[in-house]
C-alpha atoms as a PDB file:
ATOM      1  CA  MET A   1    -144.746-270.877 110.109  1.00  0.00           C
ATOM      2  CA  ALA A   2    -141.376-270.880 111.225  1.00  0.00           C
ATOM      3  CA  LYS A   3    -138.869-269.062 109.030  1.00  0.00           C
ATOM      4  CA  ALA A   4    -136.219-271.404 107.024  1.00  0.00           C
ATOM      5  CA  SER A   5    -132.966-271.513 108.469  1.00  0.00           C
ATOM      6  CA  ILE A   6    -129.794-271.062 106.028  1.00  0.00           C
ATOM      7  CA  GLN A   7    -129.010-274.802 106.914  1.00  0.00           C
ATOM      8  CA  ALA A   8    -132.118-275.526 105.211  1.00  0.00           C
ATOM      9  CA  VAL A   9    -131.424-273.221 102.159  1.00  0.00           C
ATOM     10  CA  ALA A  10    -127.851-274.992 101.930  1.00  0.00           C
ATOM     11  CA  LYS A  11    -129.605-278.422 102.012  1.00  0.00           C
ATOM     12  CA  GLU A  12    -132.162-277.619  99.222  1.00  0.00           C
ATOM     13  CA  ALA A  13    -129.656-276.273  96.729  1.00  0.00           C
ATOM     14  CA  GLY A  14    -127.150-278.981  97.680  1.00  0.00           C
ATOM     15  CA  VAL A  15    -124.394-276.504  98.577  1.00  0.00           C
ATOM     16  CA  SER A  16    -122.451-275.512 101.797  1.00  0.00           C
ATOM     17  CA  VAL A  17    -123.750-273.175 104.558  1.00  0.00           C
ATOM     18  CA  SER A  18    -120.640-270.870 103.727  1.00  0.00           C
ATOM     19  CA  THR A  19    -121.678-270.833 100.040  1.00  0.00           C
ATOM     20  CA  VAL A  20    -125.067-269.658 100.980  1.00  0.00           C
ATOM     21  CA  SER A  21    -123.766-267.027 103.154  1.00  0.00           C
ATOM     22  CA  ARG A  22    -121.251-265.925 100.535  1.00  0.00           C
ATOM     23  CA  THR A  23    -124.067-265.785  98.109  1.00  0.00           C
ATOM     24  CA  PHE A  24    -125.800-263.309  99.838  1.00  0.00           C
ATOM     25  CA  ALA A  25    -122.829-261.319 101.170  1.00  0.00           C
ATOM     26  CA  LYS A  26    -120.556-261.363  98.076  1.00  0.00           C
ATOM     27  CA  PRO A  27    -122.337-262.601  95.179  1.00  0.00           C
ATOM     28  CA  ASP A  28    -119.588-261.629  92.669  1.00  0.00           C
ATOM     29  CA  LEU A  29    -117.567-264.523  94.485  1.00  0.00           C
ATOM     30  CA  VAL A  30    -119.722-267.033  93.382  1.00  0.00           C
ATOM     31  CA  LEU A  31    -120.417-268.875  90.208  1.00  0.00           C
ATOM     32  CA  PRO A  32    -123.729-267.826  88.333  1.00  0.00           C
ATOM     33  CA  GLU A  33    -125.035-271.405  88.064  1.00  0.00           C
ATOM     34  CA  THR A  34    -124.436-271.582  91.997  1.00  0.00           C
ATOM     35  CA  ARG A  35    -126.086-268.420  92.622  1.00  0.00           C
ATOM     36  CA  ASP A  36    -129.030-269.325  90.417  1.00  0.00           C
ATOM     37  CA  LYS A  37    -129.548-272.350  92.648  1.00  0.00           C
ATOM     38  CA  VAL A  38    -129.146-270.850  95.911  1.00  0.00           C
ATOM     39  CA  MET A  39    -131.694-268.028  94.920  1.00  0.00           C
ATOM     40  CA  ALA A  40    -133.952-270.546  93.800  1.00  0.00           C
ATOM     41  CA  ALA A  41    -133.611-272.575  97.005  1.00  0.00           C
ATOM     42  CA  ALA A  42    -133.905-269.508  99.080  1.00  0.00           C
ATOM     43  CA  GLU A  43    -137.179-268.181  97.118  1.00  0.00           C
ATOM     44  CA  LYS A  44    -138.673-271.682  97.672  1.00  0.00           C
ATOM     45  CA  LEU A  45    -138.156-271.774 101.168  1.00  0.00           C
ATOM     46  CA  ASP A  46    -139.236-267.989 101.491  1.00  0.00           C
ATOM     47  CA  TYR A  47    -135.589-267.388 103.081  1.00  0.00           C
ATOM     48  CA  SER A  48    -134.657-264.244 101.189  1.00  0.00           C
ATOM     49  CA  ILE A  49    -136.266-260.873 100.958  1.00  0.00           C
ATOM     50  CA  SER A  50    -138.634-260.293  97.941  1.00  0.00           C
ATOM     51  CA  ARG A  51    -135.917-258.173  96.157  1.00  0.00           C
ATOM     52  CA  SER A  52    -133.085-260.783  96.400  1.00  0.00           C
ATOM     53  CA  ALA A  53    -132.867-261.563  92.887  1.00  0.00           C
ATOM     54  CA  ALA A  54    -132.473-257.481  92.034  1.00  0.00           C
ATOM     55  CA  ALA A  55    -130.075-257.107  94.919  1.00  0.00           C
ATOM     56  CA  LEU A  56    -127.715-259.643  93.289  1.00  0.00           C
ATOM     57  CA  LYS A  57    -127.983-257.847  90.284  1.00  0.00           C
ATOM     58  CA  SER A  58    -127.692-254.304  91.233  1.00  0.00           C
ATOM     59  CA  GLY A  59    -125.986-254.854  94.894  1.00  0.00           C
ATOM     60  CA  GLN A  60    -128.991-252.962  96.310  1.00  0.00           C
ATOM     61  CA  SER A  61    -131.668-254.421  98.619  1.00  0.00           C
ATOM     62  CA  PHE A  62    -133.792-251.210  98.264  1.00  0.00           C
ATOM     63  CA  ARG A  63    -134.251-251.363 102.086  1.00  0.00           C
ATOM     64  CA  ILE A  64    -133.013-249.389 104.977  1.00  0.00           C
ATOM     65  CA  ALA A  65    -132.882-251.004 108.573  1.00  0.00           C
ATOM     66  CA  LEU A  66    -134.160-248.621 111.470  1.00  0.00           C
ATOM     67  CA  LEU A  67    -132.850-250.087 114.711  1.00  0.00           C
ATOM     68  CA  ALA A  68    -135.266-248.437 117.365  1.00  0.00           C
ATOM     69  CA  SER A  69    -134.570-248.386 121.055  1.00  0.00           C
ATOM     70  CA  GLU A  70    -138.197-249.611 122.008  1.00  0.00           C
ATOM     71  CA  THR A  71    -141.249-250.744 120.206  1.00  0.00           C
ATOM     72  CA  ILE A  72    -141.769-248.910 116.808  1.00  0.00           C
ATOM     73  CA  THR A  73    -145.016-247.729 118.345  1.00  0.00           C
ATOM     74  CA  THR A  74    -143.513-244.871 120.840  1.00  0.00           C
ATOM     75  CA  TRP A  75    -144.121-241.794 119.948  1.00  0.00           C
ATOM     76  CA  PHE A  76    -140.171-240.872 119.290  1.00  0.00           C
ATOM     77  CA  ASN A  77    -139.901-244.223 117.136  1.00  0.00           C
ATOM     78  CA  ALA A  78    -143.282-243.758 115.258  1.00  0.00           C
ATOM     79  CA  ASN A  79    -142.345-239.855 114.233  1.00  0.00           C
ATOM     80  CA  ILE A  80    -138.758-241.150 113.380  1.00  0.00           C
ATOM     81  CA  PHE A  81    -140.152-243.786 110.821  1.00  0.00           C
ATOM     82  CA  ALA A  82    -142.749-241.325 109.321  1.00  0.00           C
ATOM     83  CA  GLY A  83    -139.882-238.699 108.741  1.00  0.00           C
ATOM     84  CA  LEU A  84    -137.558-241.752 107.316  1.00  0.00           C
ATOM     85  CA  ASP A  85    -140.449-242.787 105.020  1.00  0.00           C
ATOM     86  CA  SER A  86    -141.548-239.429 103.803  1.00  0.00           C
ATOM     87  CA  VAL A  87    -137.756-239.554 102.097  1.00  0.00           C
ATOM     88  CA  LEU A  88    -136.969-242.964 101.515  1.00  0.00           C
ATOM     89  CA  ARG A  89    -140.560-244.235 100.015  1.00  0.00           C
ATOM     90  CA  PRO A  90    -140.417-241.748  97.120  1.00  0.00           C
ATOM     91  CA  ALA A  91    -136.850-242.656  96.358  1.00  0.00           C
ATOM     92  CA  GLY A  92    -137.695-246.435  96.051  1.00  0.00           C
ATOM     93  CA  TYR A  93    -136.646-247.618  99.495  1.00  0.00           C
ATOM     94  CA  ASP A  94    -138.687-249.469 102.150  1.00  0.00           C
ATOM     95  CA  THR A  95    -138.013-248.956 106.027  1.00  0.00           C
ATOM     96  CA  VAL A  96    -137.871-251.927 108.091  1.00  0.00           C
ATOM     97  CA  ALA A  97    -137.943-251.373 112.025  1.00  0.00           C
ATOM     98  CA  TYR A  98    -135.714-253.930 113.893  1.00  0.00           C
ATOM     99  CA  PRO A  99    -136.757-253.040 117.692  1.00  0.00           C
ATOM    100  CA  MET A 100    -133.580-253.711 119.748  1.00  0.00           C
ATOM    101  CA  ARG A 101    -134.606-254.474 123.383  1.00  0.00           C
ATOM    102  CA  ASN A 102    -131.235-255.547 124.556  1.00  0.00           C
ATOM    103  CA  ALA A 103    -127.541-256.328 123.399  1.00  0.00           C
ATOM    104  CA  GLU A 104    -128.053-259.721 122.711  1.00  0.00           C
ATOM    105  CA  GLU A 105    -130.824-258.801 119.927  1.00  0.00           C
ATOM    106  CA  ARG A 106    -128.430-255.901 118.682  1.00  0.00           C
ATOM    107  CA  HIS A 107    -125.489-258.644 118.402  1.00  0.00           C
ATOM    108  CA  ASP A 108    -127.766-260.977 116.520  1.00  0.00           C
ATOM    109  CA  PHE A 109    -128.878-258.264 114.173  1.00  0.00           C
ATOM    110  CA  PHE A 110    -125.455-257.325 113.040  1.00  0.00           C
ATOM    111  CA  ALA A 111    -124.181-261.078 112.986  1.00  0.00           C
ATOM    112  CA  ASP A 112    -126.867-261.813 110.794  1.00  0.00           C
ATOM    113  CA  LEU A 113    -126.787-258.963 108.474  1.00  0.00           C
ATOM    114  CA  PRO A 114    -123.722-260.061 106.340  1.00  0.00           C
ATOM    115  CA  VAL A 115    -125.737-263.460 105.517  1.00  0.00           C
ATOM    116  CA  ARG A 116    -129.031-261.790 104.151  1.00  0.00           C
ATOM    117  CA  ARG A 117    -127.431-258.673 103.109  1.00  0.00           C
ATOM    118  CA  ASN A 118    -131.071-257.010 103.192  1.00  0.00           C
ATOM    119  CA  ALA A 119    -130.075-253.489 103.955  1.00  0.00           C
ATOM    120  CA  ASP A 120    -128.241-250.580 102.022  1.00  0.00           C
ATOM    121  CA  ALA A 121    -128.041-248.321 105.184  1.00  0.00           C
ATOM    122  CA  VAL A 122    -128.492-248.959 108.828  1.00  0.00           C
ATOM    123  CA  ILE A 123    -129.919-246.237 110.790  1.00  0.00           C
ATOM    124  CA  VAL A 124    -129.433-246.423 114.769  1.00  0.00           C
ATOM    125  CA  SER A 125    -131.777-244.406 117.114  1.00  0.00           C
ATOM    126  CA  SER A 126    -130.736-243.555 120.448  1.00  0.00           C
ATOM    127  CA  PHE A 127    -128.599-245.994 121.780  1.00  0.00           C
ATOM    128  CA  ASN A 128    -124.945-247.059 121.182  1.00  0.00           C
ATOM    129  CA  ILE A 129    -123.112-249.852 118.703  1.00  0.00           C
ATOM    130  CA  GLU A 130    -120.265-251.487 119.428  1.00  0.00           C
ATOM    131  CA  PRO A 131    -116.554-251.113 117.228  1.00  0.00           C
ATOM    132  CA  ALA A 132    -117.087-254.823 116.432  1.00  0.00           C
ATOM    133  CA  GLU A 133    -120.573-254.299 114.950  1.00  0.00           C
ATOM    134  CA  VAL A 134    -119.396-251.178 113.029  1.00  0.00           C
ATOM    135  CA  GLU A 135    -116.466-253.128 111.360  1.00  0.00           C
ATOM    136  CA  ARG A 136    -119.250-255.520 110.229  1.00  0.00           C
ATOM    137  CA  LEU A 137    -120.929-252.723 108.068  1.00  0.00           C
ATOM    138  CA  LYS A 138    -117.869-250.960 107.116  1.00  0.00           C
ATOM    139  CA  HIS A 139    -116.674-254.067 105.661  1.00  0.00           C
ATOM    140  CA  MET A 140    -120.098-254.549 103.580  1.00  0.00           C
ATOM    141  CA  HIS A 141    -119.816-250.952 102.732  1.00  0.00           C
ATOM    142  CA  VAL A 142    -123.200-249.963 104.445  1.00  0.00           C
ATOM    143  CA  PRO A 143    -123.279-246.650 105.612  1.00  0.00           C
ATOM    144  CA  ILE A 144    -124.419-246.172 109.547  1.00  0.00           C
ATOM    145  CA  ILE A 145    -126.700-242.754 110.140  1.00  0.00           C
ATOM    146  CA  GLY A 146    -127.397-242.272 113.913  1.00  0.00           C
ATOM    147  CA  ILE A 147    -130.363-240.436 115.122  1.00  0.00           C
ATOM    148  CA  ASN A 148    -129.860-239.223 118.875  1.00  0.00           C
ATOM    149  CA  ILE A 149    -127.135-241.413 119.385  1.00  0.00           C
ATOM    150  CA  PRO A 150    -124.440-241.253 122.443  1.00  0.00           C
ATOM    151  CA  SER A 151    -121.366-240.981 120.648  1.00  0.00           C
ATOM    152  CA  THR A 152    -120.575-240.497 116.869  1.00  0.00           C
ATOM    153  CA  ASP A 153    -118.121-242.926 116.930  1.00  0.00           C
ATOM    154  CA  GLY A 154    -118.207-245.102 114.013  1.00  0.00           C
ATOM    155  CA  PHE A 155    -121.211-243.345 112.387  1.00  0.00           C
ATOM    156  CA  ASP A 156    -120.966-241.965 108.803  1.00  0.00           C
ATOM    157  CA  SER A 157    -123.224-239.259 109.744  1.00  0.00           C
ATOM    158  CA  GLY A 158    -126.167-238.659 112.172  1.00  0.00           C
ATOM    159  CA  VAL A 159    -128.812-236.193 113.504  1.00  0.00           C
ATOM    160  CA  SER A 160    -128.636-235.692 117.235  1.00  0.00           C
ATOM    161  CA  ILE A 161    -130.107-233.185 119.613  1.00  0.00           C
ATOM    162  CA  ASP A 162    -127.701-232.219 122.707  1.00  0.00           C
ATOM    163  CA  ASP A 163    -130.012-233.652 125.632  1.00  0.00           C
ATOM    164  CA  ARG A 164    -127.221-232.524 128.308  1.00  0.00           C
ATOM    165  CA  THR A 165    -127.291-229.015 127.357  1.00  0.00           C
ATOM    166  CA  ALA A 166    -131.240-228.983 126.879  1.00  0.00           C
ATOM    167  CA  THR A 167    -131.557-230.367 130.337  1.00  0.00           C
ATOM    168  CA  ARG A 168    -129.636-227.997 131.753  1.00  0.00           C
ATOM    169  CA  ALA A 169    -131.613-225.167 130.337  1.00  0.00           C
ATOM    170  CA  ALA A 170    -134.751-226.443 132.021  1.00  0.00           C
ATOM    171  CA  VAL A 171    -132.857-226.701 135.074  1.00  0.00           C
ATOM    172  CA  GLU A 172    -131.693-223.007 134.691  1.00  0.00           C
ATOM    173  CA  HIS A 173    -135.067-221.869 134.092  1.00  0.00           C
ATOM    174  CA  LEU A 174    -136.630-223.320 137.517  1.00  0.00           C
ATOM    175  CA  ILE A 175    -133.336-221.738 139.158  1.00  0.00           C
ATOM    176  CA  ALA A 176    -134.349-218.335 137.537  1.00  0.00           C
ATOM    177  CA  LEU A 177    -138.046-218.750 139.206  1.00  0.00           C
ATOM    178  CA  GLY A 178    -136.518-219.429 142.519  1.00  0.00           C
ATOM    179  CA  HIS A 179    -136.017-223.078 142.990  1.00  0.00           C
ATOM    180  CA  ARG A 180    -133.314-224.413 144.797  1.00  0.00           C
ATOM    181  CA  GLY A 181    -134.370-228.104 145.351  1.00  0.00           C
ATOM    182  CA  ILE A 182    -134.718-229.972 142.199  1.00  0.00           C
ATOM    183  CA  ALA A 183    -135.297-233.433 141.626  1.00  0.00           C
ATOM    184  CA  PHE A 184    -134.739-235.515 138.245  1.00  0.00           C
ATOM    185  CA  VAL A 185    -137.077-238.453 137.667  1.00  0.00           C
ATOM    186  CA  GLY A 186    -135.845-241.181 135.285  1.00  0.00           C
ATOM    187  CA  GLY A 187    -136.264-244.375 134.482  1.00  0.00           C
ATOM    188  CA  THR A 188    -133.446-246.940 135.103  1.00  0.00           C
ATOM    189  CA  PRO A 189    -132.535-248.947 131.769  1.00  0.00           C
ATOM    190  CA  ALA A 190    -133.704-252.645 132.133  1.00  0.00           C
ATOM    191  CA  GLU A 191    -130.383-253.559 129.957  1.00  0.00           C
ATOM    192  CA  THR A 192    -127.146-252.490 131.496  1.00  0.00           C
ATOM    193  CA  ASN A 193    -125.135-253.608 128.415  1.00  0.00           C
ATOM    194  CA  MET A 194    -127.071-250.667 126.261  1.00  0.00           C
ATOM    195  CA  ARG A 195    -125.994-247.151 126.634  1.00  0.00           C
ATOM    196  CA  TYR A 196    -129.235-244.581 125.283  1.00  0.00           C
ATOM    197  CA  SER A 197    -128.703-241.167 124.757  1.00  0.00           C
ATOM    198  CA  ALA A 198    -131.387-239.952 127.007  1.00  0.00           C
ATOM    199  CA  GLU A 199    -129.143-240.947 129.900  1.00  0.00           C
ATOM    200  CA  SER A 200    -127.147-237.737 129.545  1.00  0.00           C
ATOM    201  CA  ARG A 201    -130.251-235.896 130.544  1.00  0.00           C
ATOM    202  CA  LEU A 202    -129.113-236.643 134.201  1.00  0.00           C
ATOM    203  CA  GLN A 203    -125.950-234.695 133.742  1.00  0.00           C
ATOM    204  CA  GLY A 204    -127.197-231.998 132.321  1.00  0.00           C
ATOM    205  CA  VAL A 205    -128.994-231.753 135.820  1.00  0.00           C
ATOM    206  CA  LEU A 206    -125.611-232.420 137.625  1.00  0.00           C
ATOM    207  CA  ASP A 207    -123.832-229.527 135.403  1.00  0.00           C
ATOM    208  CA  ALA A 208    -126.218-227.116 136.718  1.00  0.00           C
ATOM    209  CA  GLN A 209    -126.006-228.203 140.241  1.00  0.00           C
ATOM    210  CA  ALA A 210    -122.058-227.874 139.779  1.00  0.00           C
ATOM    211  CA  ALA A 211    -122.864-224.183 138.482  1.00  0.00           C
ATOM    212  CA  HIS A 212    -124.633-223.484 141.340  1.00  0.00           C
ATOM    213  CA  PRO A 213    -123.731-224.428 144.714  1.00  0.00           C
ATOM    214  CA  GLU A 214    -126.760-223.334 146.635  1.00  0.00           C
ATOM    215  CA  LEU A 215    -128.800-225.989 144.551  1.00  0.00           C
ATOM    216  CA  THR A 216    -129.858-229.021 146.133  1.00  0.00           C
ATOM    217  CA  VAL A 217    -130.353-231.969 143.320  1.00  0.00           C
ATOM    218  CA  THR A 218    -132.288-235.341 144.066  1.00  0.00           C
ATOM    219  CA  ASN A 219    -131.801-238.231 141.800  1.00  0.00           C
ATOM    220  CA  LEU A 220    -135.125-240.215 141.498  1.00  0.00           C
ATOM    221  CA  GLN A 221    -134.578-243.363 139.558  1.00  0.00           C
ATOM    222  CA  VAL A 222    -137.420-245.516 138.948  1.00  0.00           C
ATOM    223  CA  PRO A 223    -137.572-248.929 137.049  1.00  0.00           C
ATOM    224  CA  ARG A 224    -139.058-248.760 133.770  1.00  0.00           C
ATOM    225  CA  GLY A 225    -142.220-251.296 132.777  1.00  0.00           C
ATOM    226  CA  ALA A 226    -145.794-251.365 133.763  1.00  0.00           C
ATOM    227  CA  THR A 227    -145.449-250.004 137.016  1.00  0.00           C
ATOM    228  CA  GLU A 228    -143.203-247.027 136.163  1.00  0.00           C
ATOM    229  CA  THR A 229    -146.143-244.434 136.801  1.00  0.00           C
ATOM    230  CA  SER A 230    -146.694-245.731 140.113  1.00  0.00           C
ATOM    231  CA  ALA A 231    -143.075-245.666 141.233  1.00  0.00           C
ATOM    232  CA  ALA A 232    -142.234-242.077 139.949  1.00  0.00           C
ATOM    233  CA  LEU A 233    -145.533-240.934 141.530  1.00  0.00           C
ATOM    234  CA  ASN A 234    -144.470-242.228 144.817  1.00  0.00           C
ATOM    235  CA  ALA A 235    -141.145-240.859 144.258  1.00  0.00           C
ATOM    236  CA  VAL A 236    -142.394-237.299 143.576  1.00  0.00           C
ATOM    237  CA  LEU A 237    -144.580-237.693 146.758  1.00  0.00           C
ATOM    238  CA  THR A 238    -141.724-238.748 149.293  1.00  0.00           C
ATOM    239  CA  ALA A 239    -138.900-236.439 147.769  1.00  0.00           C
ATOM    240  CA  PRO A 240    -136.834-234.693 150.324  1.00  0.00           C
ATOM    241  CA  ALA A 241    -138.512-231.717 152.056  1.00  0.00           C
ATOM    242  CA  GLY A 242    -137.492-228.703 150.171  1.00  0.00           C
ATOM    243  CA  THR A 243    -137.683-229.913 146.776  1.00  0.00           C
ATOM    244  CA  THR A 244    -140.047-227.500 144.708  1.00  0.00           C
ATOM    245  CA  ALA A 245    -139.252-228.502 141.325  1.00  0.00           C
ATOM    246  CA  PHE A 246    -139.181-231.908 139.360  1.00  0.00           C
ATOM    247  CA  CYS A 247    -137.465-232.423 136.064  1.00  0.00           C
ATOM    248  CA  PHE A 248    -138.595-235.477 134.205  1.00  0.00           C
ATOM    249  CA  GLU A 249    -136.324-237.569 131.675  1.00  0.00           C
ATOM    250  CA  ASP A 250    -139.395-237.571 129.152  1.00  0.00           C
ATOM    251  CA  ASP A 251    -143.124-236.581 128.779  1.00  0.00           C
ATOM    252  CA  GLU A 252    -144.304-239.988 128.657  1.00  0.00           C
ATOM    253  CA  LEU A 253    -143.150-240.376 132.543  1.00  0.00           C
ATOM    254  CA  ALA A 254    -144.131-236.497 133.341  1.00  0.00           C
ATOM    255  CA  LEU A 255    -147.618-236.719 132.160  1.00  0.00           C
ATOM    256  CA  PRO A 256    -149.343-239.583 134.036  1.00  0.00           C
ATOM    257  CA  VAL A 257    -147.762-238.247 137.133  1.00  0.00           C
ATOM    258  CA  LEU A 258    -148.951-234.681 136.592  1.00  0.00           C
ATOM    259  CA  TYR A 259    -152.528-236.265 136.089  1.00  0.00           C
ATOM    260  CA  ARG A 260    -152.512-238.232 139.156  1.00  0.00           C
ATOM    261  CA  LEU A 261    -150.927-235.730 141.562  1.00  0.00           C
ATOM    262  CA  ARG A 262    -154.385-234.230 141.878  1.00  0.00           C
ATOM    263  CA  GLN A 263    -155.596-237.280 143.625  1.00  0.00           C
ATOM    264  CA  TYR A 264    -152.808-236.264 146.350  1.00  0.00           C
ATOM    265  CA  GLY A 265    -153.735-232.645 146.887  1.00  0.00           C
ATOM    266  CA  LYS A 266    -150.593-231.605 145.022  1.00  0.00           C
ATOM    267  CA  ARG A 267    -151.319-228.434 142.705  1.00  0.00           C
ATOM    268  CA  VAL A 268    -148.824-227.759 139.964  1.00  0.00           C
ATOM    269  CA  PRO A 269    -147.722-225.240 139.645  1.00  0.00           C
ATOM    270  CA  GLN A 270    -148.732-223.685 142.866  1.00  0.00           C
ATOM    271  CA  ASP A 271    -147.013-226.415 145.225  1.00  0.00           C
ATOM    272  CA  ILE A 272    -144.420-227.999 142.683  1.00  0.00           C
ATOM    273  CA  SER A 273    -143.147-227.074 139.202  1.00  0.00           C
ATOM    274  CA  ILE A 274    -142.766-229.709 136.677  1.00  0.00           C
ATOM    275  CA  VAL A 275    -140.762-229.978 133.557  1.00  0.00           C
ATOM    276  CA  GLY A 276    -140.787-232.758 130.866  1.00  0.00           C
ATOM    277  CA  PHE A 277    -138.654-233.367 127.628  1.00  0.00           C
ATOM    278  CA  ASP A 278    -139.930-234.295 124.054  1.00  0.00           C
ATOM    279  CA  ASP A 279    -143.043-231.952 123.762  1.00  0.00           C
ATOM    280  CA  VAL A 280    -145.447-235.070 122.808  1.00  0.00           C
ATOM    281  CA  GLU A 281    -148.943-233.756 121.430  1.00  0.00           C
ATOM    282  CA  MET A 282    -150.628-234.210 124.652  1.00  0.00           C
ATOM    283  CA  SER A 283    -148.108-232.066 126.297  1.00  0.00           C
ATOM    284  CA  GLN A 284    -149.547-229.073 124.567  1.00  0.00           C
ATOM    285  CA  ALA A 285    -153.298-229.852 125.592  1.00  0.00           C
ATOM    286  CA  VAL A 286    -152.333-230.358 129.337  1.00  0.00           C
ATOM    287  CA  GLY A 287    -149.898-227.128 129.441  1.00  0.00           C
ATOM    288  CA  LEU A 288    -146.832-229.006 130.355  1.00  0.00           C
ATOM    289  CA  THR A 289    -143.604-227.162 130.376  1.00  0.00           C
ATOM    290  CA  THR A 290    -141.151-229.214 128.336  1.00  0.00           C
ATOM    291  CA  MET A 291    -138.153-229.465 126.186  1.00  0.00           C
ATOM    292  CA  HIS A 292    -138.920-229.538 122.445  1.00  0.00           C
ATOM    293  CA  GLN A 293    -137.405-232.086 119.560  1.00  0.00           C
ATOM    294  CA  ASP A 294    -138.729-232.857 116.468  1.00  0.00           C
ATOM    295  CA  PRO A 295    -138.334-236.622 115.688  1.00  0.00           C
ATOM    296  CA  PHE A 296    -140.329-236.531 112.157  1.00  0.00           C
ATOM    297  CA  ALA A 297    -137.592-233.684 110.906  1.00  0.00           C
ATOM    298  CA  MET A 298    -134.883-235.730 112.736  1.00  0.00           C
ATOM    299  CA  GLY A 299    -135.964-239.016 110.562  1.00  0.00           C
ATOM    300  CA  ALA A 300    -136.289-236.734 107.292  1.00  0.00           C
ATOM    301  CA  ASP A 301    -132.699-235.557 107.795  1.00  0.00           C
ATOM    302  CA  ALA A 302    -131.380-239.128 108.352  1.00  0.00           C
ATOM    303  CA  GLY A 303    -133.259-240.351 105.507  1.00  0.00           C
ATOM    304  CA  ARG A 304    -131.649-237.680 102.931  1.00  0.00           C
ATOM    305  CA  MET A 305    -128.089-238.517 104.668  1.00  0.00           C
ATOM    306  CA  ALA A 306    -128.759-242.416 103.804  1.00  0.00           C
ATOM    307  CA  LEU A 307    -129.597-241.692 100.367  1.00  0.00           C
ATOM    308  CA  GLU A 308    -126.523-239.494  99.868  1.00  0.00           C
ATOM    309  CA  ALA A 309    -124.267-242.091 101.496  1.00  0.00           C
ATOM    310  CA  ILE A 310    -125.490-244.940  99.478  1.00  0.00           C
ATOM    311  CA  ALA A 311    -125.247-242.822  96.334  1.00  0.00           C
ATOM    312  CA  GLY A 312    -121.362-242.670  97.275  1.00  0.00           C
ATOM    313  CA  GLU A 313    -121.905-238.581  97.748  1.00  0.00           C
ATOM    314  CA  PRO A 314    -120.202-236.528 100.465  1.00  0.00           C
ATOM    315  CA  ILE A 315    -122.453-235.727 103.520  1.00  0.00           C
ATOM    316  CA  GLU A 316    -122.068-232.016 104.386  1.00  0.00           C
ATOM    317  CA  PRO A 317    -122.545-231.543 107.134  1.00  0.00           C
ATOM    318  CA  ALA A 318    -122.087-235.034 108.097  1.00  0.00           C
ATOM    319  CA  PHE A 319    -123.516-234.379 111.688  1.00  0.00           C
ATOM    320  CA  ILE A 320    -126.537-232.233 112.604  1.00  0.00           C
ATOM    321  CA  GLN A 321    -127.372-230.974 115.851  1.00  0.00           C
ATOM    322  CA  PRO A 322    -131.091-229.684 115.903  1.00  0.00           C
ATOM    323  CA  ASP A 323    -132.009-227.144 118.657  1.00  0.00           C
ATOM    324  CA  ALA A 324    -134.079-228.466 121.398  1.00  0.00           C
ATOM    325  CA  PRO A 325    -135.751-225.207 122.982  1.00  0.00           C
ATOM    326  CA  LEU A 326    -137.796-224.774 126.300  1.00  0.00           C
ATOM    327  CA  VAL A 327    -141.179-224.508 125.847  1.00  0.00           C
ATOM    328  CA  LEU A 328    -142.869-222.343 128.536  1.00  0.00           C
ATOM    329  CA  ARG A 329    -146.346-223.488 129.529  1.00  0.00           C
ATOM    330  CA  GLU A 330    -148.526-223.751 132.626  1.00  0.00           C
ATOM    331  CA  THR A 331    -146.427-226.387 134.819  1.00  0.00           C
ATOM    332  CA  THR A 332    -143.792-223.948 135.971  1.00  0.00           C
ATOM    333  CA  ALA A 333    -143.902-221.044 138.688  1.00  0.00           C
ATOM    334  CA  PRO A 334    -142.166-219.683 141.227  1.00  0.00           C
ATOM    335  CA  PRO A 335    -142.015-221.683 144.544  1.00  0.00           C
ATOM    336  CA  ALA A 336    -144.834-221.068 146.940  1.00  0.00           C
ATOM    337  CA  ALA A 337    -143.650-219.053 149.776  1.00  0.00           C
ATOM    338  CA  PRO A 338    -143.507-220.852 153.221  1.00  0.00           C
ATOM    339  CA  VAL A 339    -146.160-220.338 155.704  1.00  0.00           C
ATOM    340  CA  PRO A 340    -145.134-218.462 158.370  1.00  0.00           C
ATOM    341  CA  ALA A 341    -145.199-220.103 161.806  1.00  0.00           C
ATOM    342  CA  GLN A 342    -148.147-219.551 164.252  1.00  0.00           C
ATOM    343  CA  GLY A 343    -146.829-218.100 167.388  1.00  0.00           C
END
């Protein structure tokens, strides 16, 4: 069944669309009898959230909106959600996930929120938001908390690893092993109007190159999607001669490539070294050297920040930067010595 529109609610209640909007956004400015008509119409048409009546009385919806950069079923987002829920549910709040696949969906969310007023705080995970979108939430007194955000501008608080520094540490490890030809393998974002925190991982590789003039760096970008594993595998197999190590943007790209390299006679780490990023569960099982982050803990921290912000309590510190340490396993080793020419 299609969800009722705000126009349908206005028609049912016998009021204007702006009155319906004002009822949800600023109920104190609407006459009680008008509020009752709007809420009755909204409930009849299943327009409002189940706790709209409580929201009118308390000014709270008891919902936290999680804006996720991909589907909620990814390893990172699923753990973020679980961490948030571990803190918010005992406090009486529900976490509602909103996948943001592009800038248009993000814009629509912030345009619609003042009408529905169905979130007491907004958690933004892994991407940027625009100043106009921040302004809408500030006007509604809805706090914004970030998780792995590219910039803290406009956010009330947040918890984010330093992707750039972490990736540089991975490259420095490879340099210490003796590698001088290193490639970065990452996905090209399909949405050019969205800025993602993981994009700074490439910059960490370039930082290492700037500090080590003897280092040769190749940027291997592959389109995200159904064929990304095959594209990444092909990029590794056709990398420039002398490339002996590969830094992957994330484990979910590194792991299938690592598995399929065996089919092409490439041994890891005897022939090439591989470093991932994230430390997903499978990484430990297959021995992938990778950078570790803990999205469950970050979600829990963000949940506590949200509760403090809703209660009007100071958040100290407002911004937290957890460590993202390098986890050494079996996929990195010194580069193989060149085979002497036969003479």
